[in-house]
Amino acid sequence: MVVITKSTHTVPIGTPVQIGTAGRGVAALMKMEKPKVSRNRLSKGYGYPPARGYYVTFPVKILNDGEDSLVIDRLDFFVRIPGHGKTNTDGGNAPYSGAKVQLDTTPLTTGESVSNFLTFDVSVPHGKFVYGPGGKVSVAWRF
């Protein structure tokens, strides 16, 4: 596990990351798993294929292990592709992918956790999956 209190770190996908300091206000334990990659719509009955070439869908696990409540917003996450910039879950056809339930804005009280998915429409199926609340990058997972 990597503990991050101030500076940005880049870690391999699947590495659990502690954001903040547990027991001192807001803190979260995050784990992002290797994404599932698809070149097709994500449902057999509806949705569109990726506009940019690939869907990458990340399993997301977040635990609030701080003293204060926190809000997890899907738009605090994005994918950065070298030479192609960054995209969030609203980019390309991601909102119309046919993906099952996706992480949305989620309030977490102390001890609560959430497990869900985030889907991105990207041009290349590798890069960095970033958590950057308020525009300040906290951690990036290489995938």
N, C-alpha and C. Protein backbone atom coordinates (compact mmCIF):
# COMPACT_ATOMS: atom_id res chain seq x y z
N MET A 1 0.84 -1.17 0.00
CA MET A 1 0.00 0.00 0.00
C MET A 1 0.89 1.24 0.00
N VAL A 2 0.45 2.27 -0.74
CA VAL A 2 1.13 3.54 -0.80
C VAL A 2 0.31 4.55 -0.01
N VAL A 3 0.94 5.38 0.81
CA VAL A 3 0.26 6.42 1.57
C VAL A 3 0.61 7.77 0.96
N ILE A 4 -0.42 8.55 0.60
CA ILE A 4 -0.21 9.85 -0.03
C ILE A 4 -0.82 10.92 0.86
N THR A 5 0.00 11.88 1.27
CA THR A 5 -0.52 12.96 2.09
C THR A 5 -0.51 14.30 1.36
N LYS A 6 0.45 14.54 0.47
CA LYS A 6 0.47 15.82 -0.23
C LYS A 6 0.84 15.70 -1.70
N SER A 7 1.93 15.05 -2.02
CA SER A 7 2.40 15.04 -3.41
C SER A 7 1.72 13.96 -4.24
N THR A 8 1.84 14.12 -5.55
CA THR A 8 1.26 13.17 -6.49
C THR A 8 2.18 11.96 -6.65
N HIS A 9 1.58 10.79 -6.71
CA HIS A 9 2.33 9.55 -6.95
C HIS A 9 1.71 8.82 -8.12
N THR A 10 2.53 8.07 -8.85
CA THR A 10 2.05 7.18 -9.88
C THR A 10 2.43 5.77 -9.46
N VAL A 11 1.44 4.89 -9.45
CA VAL A 11 1.63 3.52 -8.97
C VAL A 11 1.06 2.55 -9.99
N PRO A 12 1.46 1.28 -9.94
CA PRO A 12 0.88 0.29 -10.84
C PRO A 12 -0.61 0.07 -10.52
N ILE A 13 -1.38 -0.23 -11.56
CA ILE A 13 -2.80 -0.51 -11.36
C ILE A 13 -2.94 -1.69 -10.40
N GLY A 14 -3.91 -1.61 -9.51
CA GLY A 14 -4.12 -2.64 -8.51
C GLY A 14 -3.48 -2.33 -7.17
N THR A 15 -2.61 -1.31 -7.11
CA THR A 15 -1.96 -0.94 -5.86
C THR A 15 -2.94 -0.16 -4.98
N PRO A 16 -3.19 -0.62 -3.75
CA PRO A 16 -4.04 0.16 -2.85
C PRO A 16 -3.33 1.45 -2.45
N VAL A 17 -4.08 2.54 -2.40
CA VAL A 17 -3.50 3.84 -2.07
C VAL A 17 -4.31 4.49 -0.96
N GLN A 18 -3.61 4.95 0.08
CA GLN A 18 -4.23 5.70 1.18
C GLN A 18 -4.06 7.18 0.87
N ILE A 19 -5.17 7.88 0.71
CA ILE A 19 -5.15 9.32 0.45
C ILE A 19 -5.37 10.02 1.78
N GLY A 20 -4.51 10.95 2.15
CA GLY A 20 -4.62 11.63 3.44
C GLY A 20 -4.03 10.78 4.54
N THR A 21 -4.39 11.10 5.77
CA THR A 21 -3.91 10.35 6.93
C THR A 21 -5.08 9.83 7.72
N ALA A 22 -5.21 8.52 7.82
CA ALA A 22 -6.33 7.91 8.53
C ALA A 22 -6.39 8.46 9.95
N GLY A 23 -7.60 8.77 10.40
CA GLY A 23 -7.79 9.25 11.76
C GLY A 23 -7.61 10.74 11.92
N ARG A 24 -7.26 11.45 10.83
CA ARG A 24 -7.07 12.91 10.93
C ARG A 24 -7.91 13.59 9.85
N GLY A 25 -9.19 13.66 10.05
CA GLY A 25 -10.06 14.32 9.08
C GLY A 25 -10.42 13.42 7.93
N VAL A 26 -10.33 13.96 6.71
CA VAL A 26 -10.74 13.23 5.52
C VAL A 26 -9.62 12.30 5.06
N ALA A 27 -9.95 11.05 4.84
CA ALA A 27 -9.00 10.07 4.35
C ALA A 27 -9.77 8.99 3.59
N ALA A 28 -9.13 8.41 2.60
CA ALA A 28 -9.77 7.36 1.82
C ALA A 28 -8.74 6.32 1.41
N LEU A 29 -9.16 5.09 1.41
CA LEU A 29 -8.36 3.99 0.89
C LEU A 29 -8.96 3.63 -0.46
N MET A 30 -8.15 3.71 -1.52
CA MET A 30 -8.64 3.47 -2.88
C MET A 30 -7.86 2.34 -3.53
N LYS A 31 -8.59 1.53 -4.29
CA LYS A 31 -7.95 0.49 -5.08
C LYS A 31 -8.65 0.43 -6.43
N MET A 32 -7.88 0.60 -7.48
CA MET A 32 -8.38 0.55 -8.84
C MET A 32 -7.77 -0.68 -9.50
N GLU A 33 -8.63 -1.52 -10.03
CA GLU A 33 -8.16 -2.76 -10.65
C GLU A 33 -7.90 -2.57 -12.15
N LYS A 34 -7.23 -3.54 -12.75
CA LYS A 34 -6.94 -3.53 -14.18
C LYS A 34 -8.25 -3.38 -14.96
N PRO A 35 -8.27 -2.51 -15.96
CA PRO A 35 -9.52 -2.30 -16.68
C PRO A 35 -9.83 -3.41 -17.67
N LYS A 36 -11.12 -3.58 -17.91
CA LYS A 36 -11.58 -4.43 -18.99
C LYS A 36 -11.60 -3.56 -20.23
N VAL A 37 -11.07 -4.05 -21.34
CA VAL A 37 -10.97 -3.27 -22.58
C VAL A 37 -11.91 -3.86 -23.61
N SER A 38 -12.63 -2.98 -24.33
CA SER A 38 -13.55 -3.43 -25.36
C SER A 38 -13.52 -2.47 -26.54
N ARG A 39 -13.71 -3.03 -27.73
CA ARG A 39 -13.84 -2.21 -28.94
C ARG A 39 -15.29 -2.18 -29.42
N ASN A 40 -16.19 -2.71 -28.59
CA ASN A 40 -17.60 -2.81 -28.95
C ASN A 40 -18.46 -2.16 -27.88
N ARG A 41 -19.75 -2.00 -28.17
CA ARG A 41 -20.66 -1.51 -27.14
C ARG A 41 -20.64 -2.51 -25.99
N LEU A 42 -21.03 -2.05 -24.81
CA LEU A 42 -20.88 -2.87 -23.62
C LEU A 42 -22.15 -3.61 -23.21
N SER A 43 -23.17 -3.54 -24.05
CA SER A 43 -24.40 -4.30 -23.83
C SER A 43 -24.79 -4.94 -25.16
N LYS A 44 -25.38 -6.11 -25.08
CA LYS A 44 -25.82 -6.77 -26.31
C LYS A 44 -27.05 -6.11 -26.90
N GLY A 45 -27.84 -5.43 -26.05
CA GLY A 45 -29.11 -4.89 -26.52
C GLY A 45 -29.14 -3.41 -26.80
N TYR A 46 -28.16 -2.65 -26.33
CA TYR A 46 -28.20 -1.20 -26.53
C TYR A 46 -26.80 -0.62 -26.38
N GLY A 47 -26.67 0.65 -26.69
CA GLY A 47 -25.40 1.34 -26.57
C GLY A 47 -24.71 1.50 -27.91
N TYR A 48 -23.65 2.31 -27.89
CA TYR A 48 -22.87 2.60 -29.08
C TYR A 48 -21.45 2.09 -28.90
N PRO A 49 -20.77 1.77 -30.01
CA PRO A 49 -19.35 1.42 -29.89
C PRO A 49 -18.55 2.66 -29.52
N PRO A 50 -17.31 2.49 -29.07
CA PRO A 50 -16.50 3.65 -28.68
C PRO A 50 -16.23 4.56 -29.87
N ALA A 51 -16.35 5.86 -29.66
CA ALA A 51 -16.08 6.84 -30.71
C ALA A 51 -14.59 6.99 -30.96
N ARG A 52 -13.78 6.74 -29.91
CA ARG A 52 -12.34 6.96 -30.01
C ARG A 52 -11.54 5.67 -30.22
N GLY A 53 -12.20 4.52 -30.19
CA GLY A 53 -11.51 3.26 -30.45
C GLY A 53 -11.66 2.20 -29.39
N TYR A 54 -11.64 2.59 -28.10
CA TYR A 54 -11.69 1.60 -27.02
C TYR A 54 -12.52 2.13 -25.84
N TYR A 55 -13.20 1.22 -25.19
CA TYR A 55 -13.73 1.49 -23.85
C TYR A 55 -12.79 0.83 -22.87
N VAL A 56 -12.42 1.53 -21.82
CA VAL A 56 -11.71 0.93 -20.70
C VAL A 56 -12.61 1.13 -19.48
N THR A 57 -12.92 0.02 -18.81
CA THR A 57 -13.82 0.04 -17.66
C THR A 57 -13.05 -0.44 -16.44
N PHE A 58 -12.89 0.46 -15.47
CA PHE A 58 -12.13 0.18 -14.26
C PHE A 58 -13.04 -0.21 -13.10
N PRO A 59 -12.76 -1.34 -12.42
CA PRO A 59 -13.41 -1.61 -11.14
C PRO A 59 -12.81 -0.67 -10.08
N VAL A 60 -13.66 0.01 -9.35
CA VAL A 60 -13.25 1.02 -8.38
C VAL A 60 -13.72 0.61 -6.99
N LYS A 61 -12.81 0.65 -6.01
CA LYS A 61 -13.15 0.36 -4.61
C LYS A 61 -12.62 1.48 -3.74
N ILE A 62 -13.51 2.10 -2.95
CA ILE A 62 -13.12 3.23 -2.11
C ILE A 62 -13.72 3.06 -0.72
N LEU A 63 -12.88 3.23 0.29
CA LEU A 63 -13.31 3.16 1.69
C LEU A 63 -12.99 4.48 2.36
N ASN A 64 -13.98 5.06 3.03
CA ASN A 64 -13.73 6.27 3.83
C ASN A 64 -13.23 5.80 5.18
N ASP A 65 -11.93 5.95 5.41
CA ASP A 65 -11.37 5.53 6.70
C ASP A 65 -10.86 6.73 7.50
N GLY A 66 -11.42 7.90 7.22
CA GLY A 66 -11.10 9.10 7.98
C GLY A 66 -12.15 9.38 9.03
N GLU A 67 -12.03 10.51 9.68
CA GLU A 67 -12.98 10.90 10.71
C GLU A 67 -14.17 11.68 10.16
N ASP A 68 -14.01 12.27 8.98
CA ASP A 68 -15.05 13.11 8.39
C ASP A 68 -15.68 12.42 7.20
N SER A 69 -16.90 12.85 6.86
CA SER A 69 -17.56 12.37 5.66
C SER A 69 -16.83 12.92 4.44
N LEU A 70 -16.98 12.24 3.31
CA LEU A 70 -16.41 12.72 2.07
C LEU A 70 -17.35 12.40 0.93
N VAL A 71 -17.18 13.10 -0.17
CA VAL A 71 -18.00 12.87 -1.35
C VAL A 71 -17.08 12.45 -2.48
N ILE A 72 -17.40 11.32 -3.09
CA ILE A 72 -16.66 10.82 -4.24
C ILE A 72 -17.46 11.20 -5.48
N ASP A 73 -16.84 11.90 -6.42
CA ASP A 73 -17.51 12.34 -7.64
C ASP A 73 -16.81 11.68 -8.83
N ARG A 74 -17.58 11.07 -9.71
CA ARG A 74 -16.99 10.38 -10.87
C ARG A 74 -16.15 11.32 -11.72
N LEU A 75 -16.49 12.62 -11.73
CA LEU A 75 -15.72 13.57 -12.54
C LEU A 75 -14.40 13.97 -11.91
N ASP A 76 -14.11 13.45 -10.71
CA ASP A 76 -12.79 13.63 -10.09
C ASP A 76 -11.80 12.61 -10.64
N PHE A 77 -12.28 11.69 -11.47
CA PHE A 77 -11.44 10.66 -12.09
C PHE A 77 -11.35 10.94 -13.58
N PHE A 78 -10.17 10.70 -14.15
CA PHE A 78 -10.01 10.82 -15.59
C PHE A 78 -8.88 9.91 -16.04
N VAL A 79 -8.79 9.71 -17.34
CA VAL A 79 -7.73 8.92 -17.94
C VAL A 79 -6.86 9.87 -18.76
N ARG A 80 -5.55 9.75 -18.57
CA ARG A 80 -4.59 10.54 -19.34
C ARG A 80 -3.82 9.58 -20.24
N ILE A 81 -3.89 9.85 -21.54
CA ILE A 81 -3.21 9.04 -22.54
C ILE A 81 -2.06 9.87 -23.11
N PRO A 82 -0.81 9.37 -23.07
CA PRO A 82 0.32 10.14 -23.61
C PRO A 82 0.07 10.55 -25.06
N GLY A 83 0.24 11.83 -25.33
CA GLY A 83 0.06 12.35 -26.68
C GLY A 83 -1.39 12.56 -27.08
N HIS A 84 -2.34 12.17 -26.21
CA HIS A 84 -3.76 12.29 -26.55
C HIS A 84 -4.55 13.08 -25.51
N GLY A 85 -3.91 13.53 -24.46
CA GLY A 85 -4.59 14.33 -23.45
C GLY A 85 -5.37 13.49 -22.45
N LYS A 86 -6.38 14.13 -21.86
CA LYS A 86 -7.16 13.44 -20.84
C LYS A 86 -8.63 13.43 -21.21
N THR A 87 -9.34 12.46 -20.64
CA THR A 87 -10.78 12.35 -20.86
C THR A 87 -11.45 11.86 -19.58
N ASN A 88 -12.67 12.32 -19.36
CA ASN A 88 -13.43 11.83 -18.21
C ASN A 88 -14.55 10.92 -18.70
N THR A 89 -15.43 10.54 -17.80
CA THR A 89 -16.49 9.59 -18.14
C THR A 89 -17.57 10.19 -19.02
N ASP A 90 -17.50 11.50 -19.30
CA ASP A 90 -18.45 12.14 -20.21
C ASP A 90 -17.91 12.21 -21.63
N GLY A 91 -16.64 11.79 -21.85
CA GLY A 91 -16.01 11.92 -23.15
C GLY A 91 -16.45 10.85 -24.14
N GLY A 92 -16.45 11.23 -25.43
CA GLY A 92 -16.79 10.28 -26.49
C GLY A 92 -18.16 9.66 -26.27
N ASN A 93 -18.24 8.36 -26.51
CA ASN A 93 -19.51 7.64 -26.33
C ASN A 93 -19.61 6.95 -24.97
N ALA A 94 -18.72 7.26 -24.04
CA ALA A 94 -18.76 6.59 -22.73
C ALA A 94 -20.14 6.64 -22.08
N PRO A 95 -20.84 7.79 -22.09
CA PRO A 95 -22.16 7.81 -21.45
C PRO A 95 -23.20 6.93 -22.17
N TYR A 96 -22.90 6.55 -23.43
CA TYR A 96 -23.84 5.77 -24.24
C TYR A 96 -23.28 4.39 -24.58
N SER A 97 -22.35 3.92 -23.76
CA SER A 97 -21.62 2.67 -24.04
C SER A 97 -22.45 1.41 -23.84
N GLY A 98 -23.52 1.53 -23.07
CA GLY A 98 -24.29 0.34 -22.71
C GLY A 98 -23.74 -0.33 -21.47
N ALA A 99 -22.80 0.34 -20.79
CA ALA A 99 -22.21 -0.21 -19.57
C ALA A 99 -23.28 -0.34 -18.49
N LYS A 100 -23.09 -1.33 -17.64
CA LYS A 100 -23.99 -1.50 -16.50
C LYS A 100 -23.74 -0.37 -15.52
N VAL A 101 -24.19 -0.50 -14.32
CA VAL A 101 -24.11 0.54 -13.30
C VAL A 101 -22.70 1.13 -13.21
N GLN A 102 -22.64 2.45 -13.14
CA GLN A 102 -21.38 3.18 -13.05
C GLN A 102 -21.35 3.99 -11.75
N LEU A 103 -20.15 4.27 -11.25
CA LEU A 103 -20.00 5.11 -10.08
C LEU A 103 -20.56 6.49 -10.38
N ASP A 104 -21.34 7.02 -9.47
CA ASP A 104 -21.85 8.37 -9.58
C ASP A 104 -21.44 9.12 -8.33
N THR A 105 -21.87 10.35 -8.18
CA THR A 105 -21.54 11.09 -6.98
C THR A 105 -22.06 10.32 -5.77
N THR A 106 -21.14 10.02 -4.84
CA THR A 106 -21.45 9.15 -3.72
C THR A 106 -20.92 9.73 -2.42
N PRO A 107 -21.80 10.09 -1.48
CA PRO A 107 -21.32 10.52 -0.16
C PRO A 107 -20.98 9.29 0.68
N LEU A 108 -19.87 9.36 1.40
CA LEU A 108 -19.44 8.24 2.26
C LEU A 108 -19.20 8.78 3.67
N THR A 109 -19.89 8.20 4.64
CA THR A 109 -19.61 8.54 6.02
C THR A 109 -18.45 7.67 6.50
N THR A 110 -17.94 7.96 7.66
CA THR A 110 -16.81 7.21 8.21
C THR A 110 -17.12 5.71 8.22
N GLY A 111 -16.22 4.93 7.66
CA GLY A 111 -16.38 3.48 7.63
C GLY A 111 -17.14 2.95 6.43
N GLU A 112 -17.80 3.80 5.68
CA GLU A 112 -18.55 3.35 4.50
C GLU A 112 -17.62 3.15 3.32
N SER A 113 -18.05 2.25 2.42
CA SER A 113 -17.27 2.01 1.21
C SER A 113 -18.20 1.91 0.01
N VAL A 114 -17.61 2.01 -1.16
CA VAL A 114 -18.34 1.86 -2.40
C VAL A 114 -17.47 1.05 -3.37
N SER A 115 -18.11 0.17 -4.11
CA SER A 115 -17.46 -0.59 -5.18
C SER A 115 -18.32 -0.44 -6.42
N ASN A 116 -17.72 0.00 -7.51
CA ASN A 116 -18.47 0.20 -8.73
C ASN A 116 -17.50 0.26 -9.90
N PHE A 117 -17.92 0.85 -11.01
CA PHE A 117 -17.12 0.89 -12.23
C PHE A 117 -17.11 2.29 -12.82
N LEU A 118 -16.04 2.60 -13.56
CA LEU A 118 -15.95 3.83 -14.35
C LEU A 118 -15.50 3.45 -15.75
N THR A 119 -16.24 3.91 -16.76
CA THR A 119 -15.94 3.60 -18.16
C THR A 119 -15.51 4.87 -18.89
N PHE A 120 -14.44 4.75 -19.68
CA PHE A 120 -13.90 5.85 -20.45
C PHE A 120 -13.79 5.43 -21.91
N ASP A 121 -14.02 6.36 -22.83
CA ASP A 121 -13.87 6.15 -24.26
C ASP A 121 -12.52 6.78 -24.65
N VAL A 122 -11.54 5.94 -25.00
CA VAL A 122 -10.18 6.41 -25.23
C VAL A 122 -9.62 5.92 -26.57
N SER A 123 -8.57 6.58 -27.04
CA SER A 123 -7.95 6.22 -28.31
C SER A 123 -6.91 5.11 -28.19
N VAL A 124 -6.37 4.94 -26.99
CA VAL A 124 -5.33 3.94 -26.73
C VAL A 124 -5.68 3.27 -25.39
N PRO A 125 -5.62 1.94 -25.30
CA PRO A 125 -6.05 1.28 -24.06
C PRO A 125 -4.97 1.18 -22.98
N HIS A 126 -4.08 2.16 -22.92
CA HIS A 126 -3.10 2.21 -21.84
C HIS A 126 -2.72 3.66 -21.56
N GLY A 127 -2.33 3.91 -20.33
CA GLY A 127 -1.99 5.27 -19.92
C GLY A 127 -2.03 5.37 -18.41
N LYS A 128 -2.66 6.43 -17.90
CA LYS A 128 -2.80 6.62 -16.46
C LYS A 128 -4.26 6.88 -16.11
N PHE A 129 -4.71 6.22 -15.07
CA PHE A 129 -6.04 6.44 -14.50
C PHE A 129 -5.82 7.32 -13.28
N VAL A 130 -6.42 8.52 -13.27
CA VAL A 130 -6.06 9.55 -12.31
C VAL A 130 -7.23 9.90 -11.39
N TYR A 131 -6.91 10.10 -10.10
CA TYR A 131 -7.85 10.68 -9.15
C TYR A 131 -7.36 12.09 -8.87
N GLY A 132 -8.17 13.10 -9.24
CA GLY A 132 -7.76 14.49 -9.08
C GLY A 132 -8.92 15.35 -8.62
N PRO A 133 -9.33 15.22 -7.34
CA PRO A 133 -10.46 16.02 -6.86
C PRO A 133 -10.15 17.51 -6.88
N GLY A 134 -11.12 18.30 -7.35
CA GLY A 134 -10.93 19.74 -7.40
C GLY A 134 -9.84 20.18 -8.35
N GLY A 135 -9.48 19.31 -9.30
CA GLY A 135 -8.44 19.64 -10.27
C GLY A 135 -7.03 19.41 -9.78
N LYS A 136 -6.87 18.96 -8.53
CA LYS A 136 -5.53 18.70 -7.98
C LYS A 136 -5.27 17.19 -7.99
N VAL A 137 -4.35 16.75 -8.82
CA VAL A 137 -4.06 15.32 -8.97
C VAL A 137 -3.46 14.78 -7.66
N SER A 138 -4.07 13.73 -7.14
CA SER A 138 -3.58 13.08 -5.93
C SER A 138 -2.77 11.84 -6.24
N VAL A 139 -3.30 11.00 -7.14
CA VAL A 139 -2.64 9.74 -7.47
C VAL A 139 -3.02 9.33 -8.89
N ALA A 140 -2.10 8.61 -9.54
CA ALA A 140 -2.35 8.06 -10.86
C ALA A 140 -1.93 6.60 -10.85
N TRP A 141 -2.76 5.75 -11.44
CA TRP A 141 -2.45 4.33 -11.58
C TRP A 141 -2.09 4.08 -13.04
N ARG A 142 -0.93 3.45 -13.29
CA ARG A 142 -0.54 3.08 -14.65
C ARG A 142 -1.32 1.85 -15.07
N PHE A 143 -1.84 1.87 -16.29
CA PHE A 143 -2.53 0.68 -16.83
C PHE A 143 -2.09 0.43 -18.25
